[in-house]
Amino acid sequence: MTVSRGYQITERASDWRKRFDKHVSDSANETPQLIAQIAELVAELPPVQLLERAWHEEFRAFADVQDETDIGHDEMATHKMVTYVQGVIAAVSRAPVQKTTVSDEDWQNLKELVSSLFGFHMRAYTMSLLARREKAQSQNREAREATRIESSLVDF
């Protein structure tokens, strides 16, 4: 019974790992598209108004913070967003057609895109890159080991 149960647990873990790997891989493929959507939106918005809106959001998020222990997930997410948006504004060329204001809808859309990017996508993307690197290193180790074994046979 123990062997059967152990096998079931191992099989479930293997199934979970396959689903997780696919999800991470899909997310890693979606991340560049998400970044492009953010850049496209930021390029259309007036940069000064966008910065002002971002800074106001950050101010509101940190208004009740008395010391570092009061800083939570929401405050850090807002700070990350402001920092990221500043970088995107500096990096992208202005779109040929500019909006005159940053509407609530534009702001909400940008918040959702950036939140998605820094929420799951960045973790998944990083995990995917690490998994790919680990796989490549493992293949390199196996190739080096095979070469070592072959060379030791030749030396013998």
C-alpha atoms as a PDB file:
ATOM      1  CA  MET A   1       0.000   0.000   0.000  1.00  0.00           C
ATOM      2  CA  THR A   2       2.822   2.405   0.814  1.00  0.00           C
ATOM      3  CA  VAL A   3       4.432   1.817  -2.576  1.00  0.00           C
ATOM      4  CA  SER A   4       1.120   2.434  -4.332  1.00  0.00           C
ATOM      5  CA  ARG A   5       0.470   5.627  -2.351  1.00  0.00           C
ATOM      6  CA  GLY A   6       4.025   6.825  -2.920  1.00  0.00           C
ATOM      7  CA  TYR A   7       3.641   6.173  -6.622  1.00  0.00           C
ATOM      8  CA  GLN A   8       0.357   8.119  -6.689  1.00  0.00           C
ATOM      9  CA  ILE A   9       1.978  11.081  -4.941  1.00  0.00           C
ATOM     10  CA  THR A  10       4.951  10.976  -7.303  1.00  0.00           C
ATOM     11  CA  GLU A  11       2.627  10.724 -10.308  1.00  0.00           C
ATOM     12  CA  ARG A  12       0.508  13.659  -9.097  1.00  0.00           C
ATOM     13  CA  ALA A  13       3.622  15.710  -8.457  1.00  0.00           C
ATOM     14  CA  SER A  14       4.879  14.887 -11.942  1.00  0.00           C
ATOM     15  CA  ASP A  15       1.525  15.900 -13.471  1.00  0.00           C
ATOM     16  CA  TRP A  16       1.542  19.105 -11.463  1.00  0.00           C
ATOM     17  CA  ARG A  17       5.118  19.849 -12.563  1.00  0.00           C
ATOM     18  CA  LYS A  18       4.197  19.356 -16.249  1.00  0.00           C
ATOM     19  CA  ARG A  19       1.203  21.702 -15.938  1.00  0.00           C
ATOM     20  CA  PHE A  20       3.309  24.237 -14.037  1.00  0.00           C
ATOM     21  CA  ASP A  21       6.133  24.082 -16.608  1.00  0.00           C
ATOM     22  CA  LYS A  22       3.646  24.664 -19.441  1.00  0.00           C
ATOM     23  CA  HIS A  23       2.045  27.581 -17.583  1.00  0.00           C
ATOM     24  CA  VAL A  24       5.437  29.144 -16.854  1.00  0.00           C
ATOM     25  CA  SER A  25       6.544  28.622 -20.448  1.00  0.00           C
ATOM     26  CA  ASP A  26       3.328  30.193 -21.779  1.00  0.00           C
ATOM     27  CA  SER A  27       3.770  33.131 -19.425  1.00  0.00           C
ATOM     28  CA  ALA A  28       7.390  33.569 -20.481  1.00  0.00           C
ATOM     29  CA  ASN A  29       6.223  33.752 -24.077  1.00  0.00           C
ATOM     30  CA  GLU A  30       3.507  36.280 -23.182  1.00  0.00           C
ATOM     31  CA  THR A  31       5.792  38.579 -21.159  1.00  0.00           C
ATOM     32  CA  PRO A  32       7.427  40.344 -24.138  1.00  0.00           C
ATOM     33  CA  GLN A  33       3.952  40.967 -25.602  1.00  0.00           C
ATOM     34  CA  LEU A  34       2.802  42.447 -22.314  1.00  0.00           C
ATOM     35  CA  ILE A  35       5.852  44.733 -22.203  1.00  0.00           C
ATOM     36  CA  ALA A  36       5.106  45.843 -25.780  1.00  0.00           C
ATOM     37  CA  GLN A  37       1.495  46.673 -24.832  1.00  0.00           C
ATOM     38  CA  ILE A  38       2.703  48.781 -21.908  1.00  0.00           C
ATOM     39  CA  ALA A  39       5.229  50.604 -24.103  1.00  0.00           C
ATOM     40  CA  GLU A  40       2.586  51.258 -26.762  1.00  0.00           C
ATOM     41  CA  LEU A  41       0.154  52.699 -24.227  1.00  0.00           C
ATOM     42  CA  VAL A  42       2.794  54.847 -22.531  1.00  0.00           C
ATOM     43  CA  ALA A  43       3.968  56.167 -25.924  1.00  0.00           C
ATOM     44  CA  GLU A  44       0.442  57.496 -26.611  1.00  0.00           C
ATOM     45  CA  LEU A  45      -0.024  59.227 -23.250  1.00  0.00           C
ATOM     46  CA  PRO A  46       1.278  62.712 -22.400  1.00  0.00           C
ATOM     47  CA  PRO A  47       4.414  62.011 -20.330  1.00  0.00           C
ATOM     48  CA  VAL A  48       4.136  64.892 -17.854  1.00  0.00           C
ATOM     49  CA  GLN A  49       0.511  64.094 -17.014  1.00  0.00           C
ATOM     50  CA  LEU A  50       1.344  60.408 -16.767  1.00  0.00           C
ATOM     51  CA  LEU A  51       4.165  61.105 -14.319  1.00  0.00           C
ATOM     52  CA  GLU A  52       1.960  63.413 -12.278  1.00  0.00           C
ATOM     53  CA  ARG A  53      -0.752  60.748 -12.119  1.00  0.00           C
ATOM     54  CA  ALA A  54       1.781  58.117 -11.080  1.00  0.00           C
ATOM     55  CA  TRP A  55       3.284  60.338  -8.382  1.00  0.00           C
ATOM     56  CA  HIS A  56      -0.171  61.170  -7.010  1.00  0.00           C
ATOM     57  CA  GLU A  57      -0.955  57.447  -6.833  1.00  0.00           C
ATOM     58  CA  GLU A  58       2.290  56.807  -4.989  1.00  0.00           C
ATOM     59  CA  PHE A  59       1.646  59.682  -2.602  1.00  0.00           C
ATOM     60  CA  ARG A  60      -1.832  58.300  -1.811  1.00  0.00           C
ATOM     61  CA  ALA A  61      -0.414  54.815  -1.308  1.00  0.00           C
ATOM     62  CA  PHE A  62       2.234  56.034   1.148  1.00  0.00           C
ATOM     63  CA  ALA A  63       0.148  58.740   2.878  1.00  0.00           C
ATOM     64  CA  ASP A  64      -0.567  56.647   5.977  1.00  0.00           C
ATOM     65  CA  VAL A  65       2.891  55.104   6.227  1.00  0.00           C
ATOM     66  CA  GLN A  66       4.595  56.194   9.431  1.00  0.00           C
ATOM     67  CA  ASP A  67       7.656  53.945   9.245  1.00  0.00           C
ATOM     68  CA  GLU A  68       9.060  51.098   7.160  1.00  0.00           C
ATOM     69  CA  THR A  69       7.016  48.453   8.960  1.00  0.00           C
ATOM     70  CA  ASP A  70       3.830  50.040   7.589  1.00  0.00           C
ATOM     71  CA  ILE A  71       4.909  49.409   4.001  1.00  0.00           C
ATOM     72  CA  GLY A  72       2.940  46.502   2.592  1.00  0.00           C
ATOM     73  CA  HIS A  73       2.395  44.781  -0.721  1.00  0.00           C
ATOM     74  CA  ASP A  74       0.111  47.489  -2.142  1.00  0.00           C
ATOM     75  CA  GLU A  75       2.567  50.265  -1.363  1.00  0.00           C
ATOM     76  CA  MET A  76       5.458  48.345  -2.898  1.00  0.00           C
ATOM     77  CA  ALA A  77       3.398  47.472  -5.977  1.00  0.00           C
ATOM     78  CA  THR A  78       2.542  51.154  -6.441  1.00  0.00           C
ATOM     79  CA  HIS A  79       6.181  52.155  -6.035  1.00  0.00           C
ATOM     80  CA  LYS A  80       7.282  49.492  -8.542  1.00  0.00           C
ATOM     81  CA  MET A  81       4.696  50.743 -10.999  1.00  0.00           C
ATOM     82  CA  VAL A  82       5.824  54.356 -10.704  1.00  0.00           C
ATOM     83  CA  THR A  83       9.466  53.394 -11.118  1.00  0.00           C
ATOM     84  CA  TYR A  84       8.699  51.162 -14.089  1.00  0.00           C
ATOM     85  CA  VAL A  85       6.478  53.743 -15.803  1.00  0.00           C
ATOM     86  CA  GLN A  86       9.205  56.378 -15.398  1.00  0.00           C
ATOM     87  CA  GLY A  87      11.641  54.039 -17.110  1.00  0.00           C
ATOM     88  CA  VAL A  88       9.226  53.248 -19.924  1.00  0.00           C
ATOM     89  CA  ILE A  89       8.541  56.962 -20.505  1.00  0.00           C
ATOM     90  CA  ALA A  90      12.277  57.562 -20.813  1.00  0.00           C
ATOM     91  CA  ALA A  91      12.795  54.541 -23.094  1.00  0.00           C
ATOM     92  CA  VAL A  92       9.990  54.782 -25.647  1.00  0.00           C
ATOM     93  CA  SER A  93       9.617  57.196 -28.502  1.00  0.00           C
ATOM     94  CA  ARG A  94       6.483  59.282 -28.479  1.00  0.00           C
ATOM     95  CA  ALA A  95       3.675  57.941 -30.653  1.00  0.00           C
ATOM     96  CA  PRO A  96       2.818  60.049 -33.734  1.00  0.00           C
ATOM     97  CA  VAL A  97      -0.663  60.612 -32.326  1.00  0.00           C
ATOM     98  CA  GLN A  98      -0.674  61.688 -28.671  1.00  0.00           C
ATOM     99  CA  LYS A  99      -3.650  61.689 -26.351  1.00  0.00           C
ATOM    100  CA  THR A 100      -4.232  65.017 -24.665  1.00  0.00           C
ATOM    101  CA  THR A 101      -4.986  63.608 -21.212  1.00  0.00           C
ATOM    102  CA  VAL A 102      -4.515  60.469 -19.163  1.00  0.00           C
ATOM    103  CA  SER A 103      -8.066  59.223 -18.750  1.00  0.00           C
ATOM    104  CA  ASP A 104      -9.172  57.042 -15.850  1.00  0.00           C
ATOM    105  CA  GLU A 105      -9.609  54.219 -18.363  1.00  0.00           C
ATOM    106  CA  ASP A 106      -6.038  54.661 -19.669  1.00  0.00           C
ATOM    107  CA  TRP A 107      -4.683  54.729 -16.129  1.00  0.00           C
ATOM    108  CA  GLN A 108      -6.652  51.645 -15.094  1.00  0.00           C
ATOM    109  CA  ASN A 109      -5.521  49.771 -18.205  1.00  0.00           C
ATOM    110  CA  LEU A 110      -1.882  50.698 -17.522  1.00  0.00           C
ATOM    111  CA  LYS A 111      -2.201  49.651 -13.868  1.00  0.00           C
ATOM    112  CA  GLU A 112      -3.619  46.272 -14.874  1.00  0.00           C
ATOM    113  CA  LEU A 113      -0.898  45.665 -17.460  1.00  0.00           C
ATOM    114  CA  VAL A 114       1.921  46.625 -15.087  1.00  0.00           C
ATOM    115  CA  SER A 115       0.317  44.696 -12.236  1.00  0.00           C
ATOM    116  CA  SER A 116       0.094  41.620 -14.434  1.00  0.00           C
ATOM    117  CA  LEU A 117       3.704  42.064 -15.498  1.00  0.00           C
ATOM    118  CA  PHE A 118       5.023  42.376 -11.964  1.00  0.00           C
ATOM    119  CA  GLY A 119       2.515  39.976 -10.473  1.00  0.00           C
ATOM    120  CA  PHE A 120       2.756  36.584 -12.088  1.00  0.00           C
ATOM    121  CA  HIS A 121       4.575  37.226 -15.323  1.00  0.00           C
ATOM    122  CA  MET A 122       7.882  38.420 -13.915  1.00  0.00           C
ATOM    123  CA  ARG A 123       8.048  35.530 -11.463  1.00  0.00           C
ATOM    124  CA  ALA A 124       7.063  33.053 -14.170  1.00  0.00           C
ATOM    125  CA  TYR A 125       9.444  34.598 -16.687  1.00  0.00           C
ATOM    126  CA  THR A 126      12.317  34.504 -14.199  1.00  0.00           C
ATOM    127  CA  MET A 127      11.508  30.924 -13.236  1.00  0.00           C
ATOM    128  CA  SER A 128      11.363  29.968 -16.905  1.00  0.00           C
ATOM    129  CA  LEU A 129      14.746  31.545 -17.599  1.00  0.00           C
ATOM    130  CA  LEU A 130      16.248  29.829 -14.562  1.00  0.00           C
ATOM    131  CA  ALA A 131      14.764  26.484 -15.615  1.00  0.00           C
ATOM    132  CA  ARG A 132      16.140  26.894 -19.141  1.00  0.00           C
ATOM    133  CA  ARG A 133      19.562  27.833 -17.757  1.00  0.00           C
ATOM    134  CA  GLU A 134      19.500  24.868 -15.386  1.00  0.00           C
ATOM    135  CA  LYS A 135      18.546  22.536 -18.251  1.00  0.00           C
ATOM    136  CA  ALA A 136      21.345  23.917 -20.436  1.00  0.00           C
ATOM    137  CA  GLN A 137      23.868  23.562 -17.607  1.00  0.00           C
ATOM    138  CA  SER A 138      22.692  20.007 -16.979  1.00  0.00           C
ATOM    139  CA  GLN A 139      23.131  19.177 -20.663  1.00  0.00           C
ATOM    140  CA  ASN A 140      26.586  20.769 -20.594  1.00  0.00           C
ATOM    141  CA  ARG A 141      27.531  18.722 -17.522  1.00  0.00           C
ATOM    142  CA  GLU A 142      26.327  15.550 -19.239  1.00  0.00           C
ATOM    143  CA  ALA A 143      28.306  16.410 -22.365  1.00  0.00           C
ATOM    144  CA  ARG A 144      31.448  17.165 -20.331  1.00  0.00           C
ATOM    145  CA  GLU A 145      31.007  13.918 -18.418  1.00  0.00           C
ATOM    146  CA  ALA A 146      30.591  11.966 -21.658  1.00  0.00           C
ATOM    147  CA  THR A 147      33.713  13.648 -23.065  1.00  0.00           C
ATOM    148  CA  ARG A 148      35.630  12.867 -19.870  1.00  0.00           C
ATOM    149  CA  ILE A 149      34.572   9.224 -20.018  1.00  0.00           C
ATOM    150  CA  GLU A 150      35.505   8.984 -23.703  1.00  0.00           C
ATOM    151  CA  SER A 151      38.899  10.576 -23.105  1.00  0.00           C
ATOM    152  CA  SER A 152      39.580   8.260 -20.173  1.00  0.00           C
ATOM    153  CA  LEU A 153      38.801   5.275 -22.402  1.00  0.00           C
ATOM    154  CA  VAL A 154      41.232   6.580 -25.016  1.00  0.00           C
ATOM    155  CA  ASP A 155      43.913   7.039 -22.336  1.00  0.00           C
ATOM    156  CA  PHE A 156      43.401   3.488 -21.126  1.00  0.00           C
END
